[in-house]
Amino acid sequence: MAALSVLIVDDNGLFLEAARDRLEQGGLRVVGVAATSAEALRRAEELRPEVVLVDVMLGSESGFELARRLAAHHRDDGLAVILISTYSAADYAGPIAESPAAGFL
């Protein structure tokens, strides 16, 4: 069975490296990383991952808005968006509930 393909979107370079290593050790295939919404949209179109992990806070950009854009652009692709944050789900309960994301970590 082929490993699940993942795109990681976060503005923290150290986190991107650590997350890539951890996910690959866990058997997932990280096909790319992105630090901005524009880069994430381009990479998702180019790489066609099955899952996109999106940090809810991308510097001055909103990960929630990126999740909406990814879901809209890839509605028929079966793309799953999972929001990620170092904060708890309770801190973002409203925006998470309104988001098209498949989950929150």
PDB file of N, CA and C in Angstrom:
ATOM      1  N   MET A   1       0.845  -1.185   0.000  1.00  0.00           N
ATOM      2  CA  MET A   1       0.000   0.000   0.000  1.00  0.00           C
ATOM      3  C   MET A   1       0.888   1.244   0.000  1.00  0.00           C
ATOM      4  N   ALA A   2       0.572   2.204  -0.852  1.00  0.00           N
ATOM      5  CA  ALA A   2       1.364   3.430  -0.954  1.00  0.00           C
ATOM      6  C   ALA A   2       1.156   4.308   0.274  1.00  0.00           C
ATOM      7  N   ALA A   3       2.224   4.965   0.680  1.00  0.00           N
ATOM      8  CA  ALA A   3       2.152   5.867   1.827  1.00  0.00           C
ATOM      9  C   ALA A   3       1.294   7.083   1.479  1.00  0.00           C
ATOM     10  N   LEU A   4       0.574   7.575   2.449  1.00  0.00           N
ATOM     11  CA  LEU A   4      -0.250   8.768   2.303  1.00  0.00           C
ATOM     12  C   LEU A   4       0.644   9.961   2.004  1.00  0.00           C
ATOM     13  N   SER A   5       0.285  10.774   0.999  1.00  0.00           N
ATOM     14  CA  SER A   5       1.101  11.938   0.632  1.00  0.00           C
ATOM     15  C   SER A   5       0.610  13.174   1.380  1.00  0.00           C
ATOM     16  N   VAL A   6       1.571  13.929   1.908  1.00  0.00           N
ATOM     17  CA  VAL A   6       1.264  15.057   2.785  1.00  0.00           C
ATOM     18  C   VAL A   6       2.036  16.296   2.356  1.00  0.00           C
ATOM     19  N   LEU A   7       1.357  17.447   2.404  1.00  0.00           N
ATOM     20  CA  LEU A   7       1.968  18.765   2.257  1.00  0.00           C
ATOM     21  C   LEU A   7       1.830  19.451   3.608  1.00  0.00           C
ATOM     22  N   ILE A   8       2.928  20.006   4.119  1.00  0.00           N
ATOM     23  CA  ILE A   8       2.908  20.691   5.414  1.00  0.00           C
ATOM     24  C   ILE A   8       3.031  22.190   5.179  1.00  0.00           C
ATOM     25  N   VAL A   9       2.134  22.977   5.795  1.00  0.00           N
ATOM     26  CA  VAL A   9       2.147  24.427   5.638  1.00  0.00           C
ATOM     27  C   VAL A   9       2.309  25.076   7.015  1.00  0.00           C
ATOM     28  N   ASP A  10       3.451  25.727   7.206  1.00  0.00           N
ATOM     29  CA  ASP A  10       3.743  26.403   8.472  1.00  0.00           C
ATOM     30  C   ASP A  10       4.811  27.451   8.202  1.00  0.00           C
ATOM     31  N   ASP A  11       4.743  28.577   8.895  1.00  0.00           N
ATOM     32  CA  ASP A  11       5.722  29.637   8.671  1.00  0.00           C
ATOM     33  C   ASP A  11       6.982  29.471   9.518  1.00  0.00           C
ATOM     34  N   ASN A  12       7.058  28.411  10.294  1.00  0.00           N
ATOM     35  CA  ASN A  12       8.217  28.153  11.147  1.00  0.00           C
ATOM     36  C   ASN A  12       9.080  27.061  10.504  1.00  0.00           C
ATOM     37  N   GLY A  13      10.253  27.459  10.012  1.00  0.00           N
ATOM     38  CA  GLY A  13      11.134  26.523   9.325  1.00  0.00           C
ATOM     39  C   GLY A  13      11.567  25.342  10.169  1.00  0.00           C
ATOM     40  N   LEU A  14      11.851  25.596  11.451  1.00  0.00           N
ATOM     41  CA  LEU A  14      12.254  24.499  12.334  1.00  0.00           C
ATOM     42  C   LEU A  14      11.134  23.488  12.505  1.00  0.00           C
ATOM     43  N   PHE A  15       9.898  23.993  12.622  1.00  0.00           N
ATOM     44  CA  PHE A  15       8.764  23.083  12.737  1.00  0.00           C
ATOM     45  C   PHE A  15       8.606  22.265  11.466  1.00  0.00           C
ATOM     46  N   LEU A  16       8.747  22.902  10.299  1.00  0.00           N
ATOM     47  CA  LEU A  16       8.612  22.178   9.037  1.00  0.00           C
ATOM     48  C   LEU A  16       9.581  21.010   8.963  1.00  0.00           C
ATOM     49  N   GLU A  17      10.831  21.252   9.346  1.00  0.00           N
ATOM     50  CA  GLU A  17      11.839  20.188   9.324  1.00  0.00           C
ATOM     51  C   GLU A  17      11.491  19.069  10.292  1.00  0.00           C
ATOM     52  N   ALA A  18      11.119  19.446  11.515  1.00  0.00           N
ATOM     53  CA  ALA A  18      10.795  18.446  12.535  1.00  0.00           C
ATOM     54  C   ALA A  18       9.554  17.644  12.149  1.00  0.00           C
ATOM     55  N   ALA A  19       8.538  18.333  11.634  1.00  0.00           N
ATOM     56  CA  ALA A  19       7.303  17.648  11.248  1.00  0.00           C
ATOM     57  C   ALA A  19       7.560  16.696  10.080  1.00  0.00           C
ATOM     58  N   ARG A  20       8.353  17.142   9.116  1.00  0.00           N
ATOM     59  CA  ARG A  20       8.683  16.272   7.978  1.00  0.00           C
ATOM     60  C   ARG A  20       9.365  15.000   8.468  1.00  0.00           C
ATOM     61  N   ASP A  21      10.380  15.167   9.318  1.00  0.00           N
ATOM     62  CA  ASP A  21      11.101  14.005   9.841  1.00  0.00           C
ATOM     63  C   ASP A  21      10.174  13.059  10.585  1.00  0.00           C
ATOM     64  N   ARG A  22       9.341  13.607  11.460  1.00  0.00           N
ATOM     65  CA  ARG A  22       8.445  12.781  12.284  1.00  0.00           C
ATOM     66  C   ARG A  22       7.423  12.039  11.432  1.00  0.00           C
ATOM     67  N   LEU A  23       6.827  12.739  10.476  1.00  0.00           N
ATOM     68  CA  LEU A  23       5.824  12.104   9.624  1.00  0.00           C
ATOM     69  C   LEU A  23       6.437  11.021   8.750  1.00  0.00           C
ATOM     70  N   GLU A  24       7.616  11.294   8.199  1.00  0.00           N
ATOM     71  CA  GLU A  24       8.277  10.287   7.364  1.00  0.00           C
ATOM     72  C   GLU A  24       8.687   9.079   8.192  1.00  0.00           C
ATOM     73  N   GLN A  25       9.123   9.295   9.418  1.00  0.00           N
ATOM     74  CA  GLN A  25       9.445   8.169  10.308  1.00  0.00           C
ATOM     75  C   GLN A  25       8.195   7.344  10.600  1.00  0.00           C
ATOM     76  N   GLY A  26       7.042   8.007  10.585  1.00  0.00           N
ATOM     77  CA  GLY A  26       5.769   7.331  10.833  1.00  0.00           C
ATOM     78  C   GLY A  26       5.187   6.667   9.601  1.00  0.00           C
ATOM     79  N   GLY A  27       5.898   6.730   8.481  1.00  0.00           N
ATOM     80  CA  GLY A  27       5.452   6.032   7.294  1.00  0.00           C
ATOM     81  C   GLY A  27       4.675   6.866   6.288  1.00  0.00           C
ATOM     82  N   LEU A  28       4.552   8.167   6.531  1.00  0.00           N
ATOM     83  CA  LEU A  28       3.874   9.031   5.577  1.00  0.00           C
ATOM     84  C   LEU A  28       4.886   9.579   4.578  1.00  0.00           C
ATOM     85  N   ARG A  29       4.406  10.003   3.427  1.00  0.00           N
ATOM     86  CA  ARG A  29       5.281  10.545   2.393  1.00  0.00           C
ATOM     87  C   ARG A  29       5.043  12.050   2.299  1.00  0.00           C
ATOM     88  N   VAL A  30       5.978  12.838   2.824  1.00  0.00           N
ATOM     89  CA  VAL A  30       5.868  14.295   2.760  1.00  0.00           C
ATOM     90  C   VAL A  30       6.345  14.716   1.373  1.00  0.00           C
ATOM     91  N   VAL A  31       5.404  15.208   0.567  1.00  0.00           N
ATOM     92  CA  VAL A  31       5.734  15.569  -0.813  1.00  0.00           C
ATOM     93  C   VAL A  31       6.197  17.006  -0.941  1.00  0.00           C
ATOM     94  N   GLY A  32       5.994  17.802   0.116  1.00  0.00           N
ATOM     95  CA  GLY A  32       6.442  19.183   0.070  1.00  0.00           C
ATOM     96  C   GLY A  32       6.076  19.950   1.312  1.00  0.00           C
ATOM     97  N   VAL A  33       6.633  21.156   1.386  1.00  0.00           N
ATOM     98  CA  VAL A  33       6.340  22.072   2.478  1.00  0.00           C
ATOM     99  C   VAL A  33       6.101  23.454   1.882  1.00  0.00           C
ATOM    100  N   ALA A  34       5.415  24.305   2.634  1.00  0.00           N
ATOM    101  CA  ALA A  34       5.156  25.678   2.214  1.00  0.00           C
ATOM    102  C   ALA A  34       5.100  26.556   3.454  1.00  0.00           C
ATOM    103  N   ALA A  35       5.486  27.827   3.287  1.00  0.00           N
ATOM    104  CA  ALA A  35       5.508  28.759   4.417  1.00  0.00           C
ATOM    105  C   ALA A  35       4.458  29.864   4.298  1.00  0.00           C
ATOM    106  N   THR A  36       3.829  30.001   3.119  1.00  0.00           N
ATOM    107  CA  THR A  36       2.810  31.032   2.916  1.00  0.00           C
ATOM    108  C   THR A  36       1.594  30.414   2.232  1.00  0.00           C
ATOM    109  N   SER A  37       0.492  31.151   2.261  1.00  0.00           N
ATOM    110  CA  SER A  37      -0.728  30.675   1.599  1.00  0.00           C
ATOM    111  C   SER A  37      -0.524  30.547   0.097  1.00  0.00           C
ATOM    112  N   ALA A  38       0.094  31.547  -0.513  1.00  0.00           N
ATOM    113  CA  ALA A  38       0.320  31.501  -1.965  1.00  0.00           C
ATOM    114  C   ALA A  38       1.170  30.298  -2.346  1.00  0.00           C
ATOM    115  N   GLU A  39       2.223  30.067  -1.580  1.00  0.00           N
ATOM    116  CA  GLU A  39       3.090  28.924  -1.846  1.00  0.00           C
ATOM    117  C   GLU A  39       2.331  27.618  -1.641  1.00  0.00           C
ATOM    118  N   ALA A  40       1.506  27.549  -0.613  1.00  0.00           N
ATOM    119  CA  ALA A  40       0.730  26.341  -0.332  1.00  0.00           C
ATOM    120  C   ALA A  40      -0.248  26.033  -1.460  1.00  0.00           C
ATOM    121  N   LEU A  41      -0.914  27.049  -1.969  1.00  0.00           N
ATOM    122  CA  LEU A  41      -1.855  26.838  -3.069  1.00  0.00           C
ATOM    123  C   LEU A  41      -1.136  26.341  -4.316  1.00  0.00           C
ATOM    124  N   ARG A  42       0.028  26.919  -4.614  1.00  0.00           N
ATOM    125  CA  ARG A  42       0.816  26.463  -5.769  1.00  0.00           C
ATOM    126  C   ARG A  42       1.290  25.029  -5.582  1.00  0.00           C
ATOM    127  N   ARG A  43       1.820  24.737  -4.394  1.00  0.00           N
ATOM    128  CA  ARG A  43       2.355  23.399  -4.122  1.00  0.00           C
ATOM    129  C   ARG A  43       1.242  22.351  -4.137  1.00  0.00           C
ATOM    130  N   ALA A  44       0.075  22.684  -3.608  1.00  0.00           N
ATOM    131  CA  ALA A  44      -1.045  21.734  -3.609  1.00  0.00           C
ATOM    132  C   ALA A  44      -1.472  21.421  -5.035  1.00  0.00           C
ATOM    133  N   GLU A  45      -1.501  22.430  -5.887  1.00  0.00           N
ATOM    134  CA  GLU A  45      -1.869  22.225  -7.285  1.00  0.00           C
ATOM    135  C   GLU A  45      -0.824  21.377  -8.007  1.00  0.00           C
ATOM    136  N   GLU A  46       0.426  21.667  -7.749  1.00  0.00           N
ATOM    137  CA  GLU A  46       1.547  20.981  -8.403  1.00  0.00           C
ATOM    138  C   GLU A  46       1.727  19.549  -7.911  1.00  0.00           C
ATOM    139  N   LEU A  47       1.657  19.350  -6.600  1.00  0.00           N
ATOM    140  CA  LEU A  47       2.008  18.061  -5.997  1.00  0.00           C
ATOM    141  C   LEU A  47       0.823  17.120  -5.775  1.00  0.00           C
ATOM    142  N   ARG A  48      -0.384  17.662  -5.722  1.00  0.00           N
ATOM    143  CA  ARG A  48      -1.598  16.877  -5.508  1.00  0.00           C
ATOM    144  C   ARG A  48      -1.517  15.949  -4.290  1.00  0.00           C
ATOM    145  N   PRO A  49      -1.217  16.502  -3.115  1.00  0.00           N
ATOM    146  CA  PRO A  49      -1.159  15.644  -1.921  1.00  0.00           C
ATOM    147  C   PRO A  49      -2.554  15.160  -1.539  1.00  0.00           C
ATOM    148  N   GLU A  50      -2.586  14.117  -0.745  1.00  0.00           N
ATOM    149  CA  GLU A  50      -3.865  13.614  -0.244  1.00  0.00           C
ATOM    150  C   GLU A  50      -4.289  14.372   1.006  1.00  0.00           C
ATOM    151  N   VAL A  51      -3.294  14.877   1.760  1.00  0.00           N
ATOM    152  CA  VAL A  51      -3.544  15.602   3.002  1.00  0.00           C
ATOM    153  C   VAL A  51      -2.677  16.855   3.028  1.00  0.00           C
ATOM    154  N   VAL A  52      -3.266  17.961   3.502  1.00  0.00           N
ATOM    155  CA  VAL A  52      -2.493  19.182   3.735  1.00  0.00           C
ATOM    156  C   VAL A  52      -2.654  19.545   5.205  1.00  0.00           C
ATOM    157  N   LEU A  53      -1.527  19.618   5.902  1.00  0.00           N
ATOM    158  CA  LEU A  53      -1.520  20.081   7.289  1.00  0.00           C
ATOM    159  C   LEU A  53      -1.288  21.578   7.259  1.00  0.00           C
ATOM    160  N   VAL A  54      -2.203  22.356   7.850  1.00  0.00           N
ATOM    161  CA  VAL A  54      -2.147  23.819   7.778  1.00  0.00           C
ATOM    162  C   VAL A  54      -2.115  24.421   9.173  1.00  0.00           C
ATOM    163  N   ASP A  55      -1.045  25.164   9.456  1.00  0.00           N
ATOM    164  CA  ASP A  55      -0.965  25.905  10.720  1.00  0.00           C
ATOM    165  C   ASP A  55      -2.043  26.983  10.710  1.00  0.00           C
ATOM    166  N   VAL A  56      -2.762  27.143  11.798  1.00  0.00           N
ATOM    167  CA  VAL A  56      -3.844  28.125  11.844  1.00  0.00           C
ATOM    168  C   VAL A  56      -3.318  29.562  11.808  1.00  0.00           C
ATOM    169  N   MET A  57      -2.064  29.763  12.206  1.00  0.00           N
ATOM    170  CA  MET A  57      -1.469  31.103  12.194  1.00  0.00           C
ATOM    171  C   MET A  57      -0.210  31.085  11.326  1.00  0.00           C
ATOM    172  N   LEU A  58      -0.328  31.632  10.129  1.00  0.00           N
ATOM    173  CA  LEU A  58       0.788  31.677   9.185  1.00  0.00           C
ATOM    174  C   LEU A  58       1.336  33.100   9.144  1.00  0.00           C
ATOM    175  N   GLY A  59       1.987  33.505  10.209  1.00  0.00           N
ATOM    176  CA  GLY A  59       2.473  34.884  10.284  1.00  0.00           C
ATOM    177  C   GLY A  59       1.275  35.823  10.270  1.00  0.00           C
ATOM    178  N   SER A  60       1.196  36.689   9.275  1.00  0.00           N
ATOM    179  CA  SER A  60       0.071  37.624   9.177  1.00  0.00           C
ATOM    180  C   SER A  60      -1.103  37.031   8.403  1.00  0.00           C
ATOM    181  N   GLU A  61      -0.964  35.805   7.932  1.00  0.00           N
ATOM    182  CA  GLU A  61      -2.018  35.154   7.165  1.00  0.00           C
ATOM    183  C   GLU A  61      -2.826  34.198   8.037  1.00  0.00           C
ATOM    184  N   SER A  62      -4.040  33.910   7.603  1.00  0.00           N
ATOM    185  CA  SER A  62      -4.920  33.002   8.330  1.00  0.00           C
ATOM    186  C   SER A  62      -4.900  31.600   7.728  1.00  0.00           C
ATOM    187  N   GLY A  63      -4.553  30.632   8.555  1.00  0.00           N
ATOM    188  CA  GLY A  63      -4.626  29.246   8.127  1.00  0.00           C
ATOM    189  C   GLY A  63      -6.059  28.805   7.884  1.00  0.00           C
ATOM    190  N   PHE A  64      -7.003  29.425   8.581  1.00  0.00           N
ATOM    191  CA  PHE A  64      -8.416  29.099   8.372  1.00  0.00           C
ATOM    192  C   PHE A  64      -8.850  29.517   6.963  1.00  0.00           C
ATOM    193  N   GLU A  65      -8.406  30.700   6.534  1.00  0.00           N
ATOM    194  CA  GLU A  65      -8.722  31.156   5.179  1.00  0.00           C
ATOM    195  C   GLU A  65      -8.056  30.245   4.142  1.00  0.00           C
ATOM    196  N   LEU A  66      -6.819  29.868   4.393  1.00  0.00           N
ATOM    197  CA  LEU A  66      -6.136  28.940   3.483  1.00  0.00           C
ATOM    198  C   LEU A  66      -6.892  27.617   3.401  1.00  0.00           C
ATOM    199  N   ALA A  67      -7.356  27.109   4.525  1.00  0.00           N
ATOM    200  CA  ALA A  67      -8.126  25.848   4.524  1.00  0.00           C
ATOM    201  C   ALA A  67      -9.362  25.985   3.652  1.00  0.00           C
ATOM    202  N   ARG A  68     -10.060  27.120   3.734  1.00  0.00           N
ATOM    203  CA  ARG A  68     -11.246  27.342   2.901  1.00  0.00           C
ATOM    204  C   ARG A  68     -10.871  27.360   1.416  1.00  0.00           C
ATOM    205  N   ARG A  69      -9.773  28.034   1.099  1.00  0.00           N
ATOM    206  CA  ARG A  69      -9.348  28.131  -0.303  1.00  0.00           C
ATOM    207  C   ARG A  69      -8.921  26.767  -0.847  1.00  0.00           C
ATOM    208  N   LEU A  70      -8.174  26.018  -0.056  1.00  0.00           N
ATOM    209  CA  LEU A  70      -7.758  24.680  -0.486  1.00  0.00           C
ATOM    210  C   LEU A  70      -8.970  23.774  -0.705  1.00  0.00           C
ATOM    211  N   ALA A  71      -9.906  23.814   0.230  1.00  0.00           N
ATOM    212  CA  ALA A  71     -11.100  22.976   0.116  1.00  0.00           C
ATOM    213  C   ALA A  71     -11.908  23.345  -1.129  1.00  0.00           C
ATOM    214  N   ALA A  72     -12.013  24.633  -1.417  1.00  0.00           N
ATOM    215  CA  ALA A  72     -12.776  25.087  -2.583  1.00  0.00           C
ATOM    216  C   ALA A  72     -12.086  24.685  -3.888  1.00  0.00           C
ATOM    217  N   HIS A  73     -10.768  24.835  -3.942  1.00  0.00           N
ATOM    218  CA  HIS A  73     -10.025  24.530  -5.168  1.00  0.00           C
ATOM    219  C   HIS A  73      -9.883  23.030  -5.421  1.00  0.00           C
ATOM    220  N   HIS A  74      -9.954  22.239  -4.372  1.00  0.00           N
ATOM    221  CA  HIS A  74      -9.713  20.800  -4.507  1.00  0.00           C
ATOM    222  C   HIS A  74     -10.908  19.983  -4.036  1.00  0.00           C
ATOM    223  N   ARG A  75     -12.084  20.542  -4.188  1.00  0.00           N
ATOM    224  CA  ARG A  75     -13.322  19.910  -3.720  1.00  0.00           C
ATOM    225  C   ARG A  75     -13.490  18.506  -4.290  1.00  0.00           C
ATOM    226  N   ASP A  76     -13.158  18.318  -5.559  1.00  0.00           N
ATOM    227  CA  ASP A  76     -13.386  17.031  -6.210  1.00  0.00           C
ATOM    228  C   ASP A  76     -12.169  16.107  -6.177  1.00  0.00           C
ATOM    229  N   ASP A  77     -11.077  16.554  -5.571  1.00  0.00           N
ATOM    230  CA  ASP A  77      -9.835  15.771  -5.536  1.00  0.00           C
ATOM    231  C   ASP A  77      -9.749  14.811  -4.354  1.00  0.00           C
ATOM    232  N   GLY A  78     -10.635  14.965  -3.387  1.00  0.00           N
ATOM    233  CA  GLY A  78     -10.545  14.149  -2.183  1.00  0.00           C
ATOM    234  C   GLY A  78      -9.473  14.636  -1.223  1.00  0.00           C
ATOM    235  N   LEU A  79      -9.032  15.885  -1.399  1.00  0.00           N
ATOM    236  CA  LEU A  79      -8.006  16.464  -0.533  1.00  0.00           C
ATOM    237  C   LEU A  79      -8.558  16.680   0.874  1.00  0.00           C
ATOM    238  N   ALA A  80      -7.818  16.239   1.876  1.00  0.00           N
ATOM    239  CA  ALA A  80      -8.197  16.468   3.264  1.00  0.00           C
ATOM    240  C   ALA A  80      -7.280  17.539   3.859  1.00  0.00           C
ATOM    241  N   VAL A  81      -7.877  18.554   4.459  1.00  0.00           N
ATOM    242  CA  VAL A  81      -7.125  19.604   5.134  1.00  0.00           C
ATOM    243  C   VAL A  81      -7.254  19.370   6.633  1.00  0.00           C
ATOM    244  N   ILE A  82      -6.114  19.352   7.308  1.00  0.00           N
ATOM    245  CA  ILE A  82      -6.102  19.215   8.762  1.00  0.00           C
ATOM    246  C   ILE A  82      -5.402  20.435   9.332  1.00  0.00           C
ATOM    247  N   LEU A  83      -6.095  21.143  10.195  1.00  0.00           N
ATOM    248  CA  LEU A  83      -5.526  22.321  10.838  1.00  0.00           C
ATOM    249  C   LEU A  83      -4.612  21.886  11.974  1.00  0.00           C
ATOM    250  N   ILE A  84      -3.512  22.608  12.165  1.00  0.00           N
ATOM    251  CA  ILE A  84      -2.576  22.285  13.237  1.00  0.00           C
ATOM    252  C   ILE A  84      -2.243  23.553  14.015  1.00  0.00           C
ATOM    253  N   SER A  85      -1.938  23.381  15.292  1.00  0.00           N
ATOM    254  CA  SER A  85      -1.552  24.508  16.133  1.00  0.00           C
ATOM    255  C   SER A  85      -0.931  23.995  17.422  1.00  0.00           C
ATOM    256  N   THR A  86      -0.121  24.842  18.023  1.00  0.00           N
ATOM    257  CA  THR A  86       0.407  24.518  19.350  1.00  0.00           C
ATOM    258  C   THR A  86      -0.613  24.886  20.425  1.00  0.00           C
ATOM    259  N   TYR A  87      -1.646  25.643  20.041  1.00  0.00           N
ATOM    260  CA  TYR A  87      -2.713  25.993  20.969  1.00  0.00           C
ATOM    261  C   TYR A  87      -3.770  24.900  20.966  1.00  0.00           C
ATOM    262  N   SER A  88      -4.619  24.882  21.964  1.00  0.00           N
ATOM    263  CA  SER A  88      -5.640  23.836  22.063  1.00  0.00           C
ATOM    264  C   SER A  88      -6.828  24.137  21.152  1.00  0.00           C
ATOM    265  N   ALA A  89      -7.578  23.099  20.852  1.00  0.00           N
ATOM    266  CA  ALA A  89      -8.771  23.242  20.027  1.00  0.00           C
ATOM    267  C   ALA A  89      -9.765  24.201  20.674  1.00  0.00           C
ATOM    268  N   ALA A  90      -9.810  24.239  21.995  1.00  0.00           N
ATOM    269  CA  ALA A  90     -10.732  25.133  22.695  1.00  0.00           C
ATOM    270  C   ALA A  90     -10.436  26.601  22.383  1.00  0.00           C
ATOM    271  N   ASP A  91      -9.175  26.920  22.111  1.00  0.00           N
ATOM    272  CA  ASP A  91      -8.802  28.299  21.793  1.00  0.00           C
ATOM    273  C   ASP A  91      -9.368  28.746  20.443  1.00  0.00           C
ATOM    274  N   TYR A  92      -9.693  27.794  19.575  1.00  0.00           N
ATOM    275  CA  TYR A  92     -10.179  28.093  18.229  1.00  0.00           C
ATOM    276  C   TYR A  92     -11.498  27.400  17.923  1.00  0.00           C
ATOM    277  N   ALA A  93     -12.297  27.119  18.934  1.00  0.00           N
ATOM    278  CA  ALA A  93     -13.505  26.313  18.761  1.00  0.00           C
ATOM    279  C   ALA A  93     -14.417  26.848  17.655  1.00  0.00           C
ATOM    280  N   GLY A  94     -14.711  28.124  17.643  1.00  0.00           N
ATOM    281  CA  GLY A  94     -15.597  28.708  16.633  1.00  0.00           C
ATOM    282  C   GLY A  94     -15.043  28.581  15.225  1.00  0.00           C
ATOM    283  N   PRO A  95     -13.827  29.098  14.985  1.00  0.00           N
ATOM    284  CA  PRO A  95     -13.268  28.988  13.637  1.00  0.00           C
ATOM    285  C   PRO A  95     -13.077  27.541  13.162  1.00  0.00           C
ATOM    286  N   ILE A  96     -12.757  26.629  14.072  1.00  0.00           N
ATOM    287  CA  ILE A  96     -12.606  25.221  13.681  1.00  0.00           C
ATOM    288  C   ILE A  96     -13.963  24.671  13.240  1.00  0.00           C
ATOM    289  N   ALA A  97     -15.011  24.976  13.999  1.00  0.00           N
ATOM    290  CA  ALA A  97     -16.348  24.484  13.662  1.00  0.00           C
ATOM    291  C   ALA A  97     -16.819  25.006  12.311  1.00  0.00           C
ATOM    292  N   GLU A  98     -16.432  26.228  11.958  1.00  0.00           N
ATOM    293  CA  GLU A  98     -16.839  26.841  10.696  1.00  0.00           C
ATOM    294  C   GLU A  98     -15.948  26.435   9.516  1.00  0.00           C
ATOM    295  N   SER A  99     -14.841  25.800   9.814  1.00  0.00           N
ATOM    296  CA  SER A  99     -13.857  25.451   8.792  1.00  0.00           C
ATOM    297  C   SER A  99     -14.248  24.177   8.039  1.00  0.00           C
ATOM    298  N   PRO A 100     -13.843  24.085   6.767  1.00  0.00           N
ATOM    299  CA  PRO A 100     -14.081  22.851   6.020  1.00  0.00           C
ATOM    300  C   PRO A 100     -13.027  21.777   6.322  1.00  0.00           C
ATOM    301  N   ALA A 101     -12.132  22.049   7.260  1.00  0.00           N
ATOM    302  CA  ALA A 101     -11.053  21.104   7.586  1.00  0.00           C
ATOM    303  C   ALA A 101     -11.635  19.793   8.118  1.00  0.00           C
ATOM    304  N   ALA A 102     -10.915  18.717   7.826  1.00  0.00           N
ATOM    305  CA  ALA A 102     -11.322  17.387   8.282  1.00  0.00           C
ATOM    306  C   ALA A 102     -11.001  17.166   9.748  1.00  0.00           C
ATOM    307  N   GLY A 103     -10.092  17.965  10.294  1.00  0.00           N
ATOM    308  CA  GLY A 103      -9.708  17.780  11.689  1.00  0.00           C
ATOM    309  C   GLY A 103      -8.773  18.862  12.177  1.00  0.00           C
ATOM    310  N   PHE A 104      -8.397  18.748  13.441  1.00  0.00           N
ATOM    311  CA  PHE A 104      -7.511  19.700  14.112  1.00  0.00           C
ATOM    312  C   PHE A 104      -6.568  18.921  15.027  1.00  0.00           C
ATOM    313  N   LEU A 105      -5.282  19.226  14.907  1.00  0.00           N
ATOM    314  CA  LEU A 105      -4.279  18.621  15.793  1.00  0.00           C
ATOM    315  C   LEU A 105      -3.586  19.723  16.545  1.00  0.00           C
TER     316      LEU A 105
END
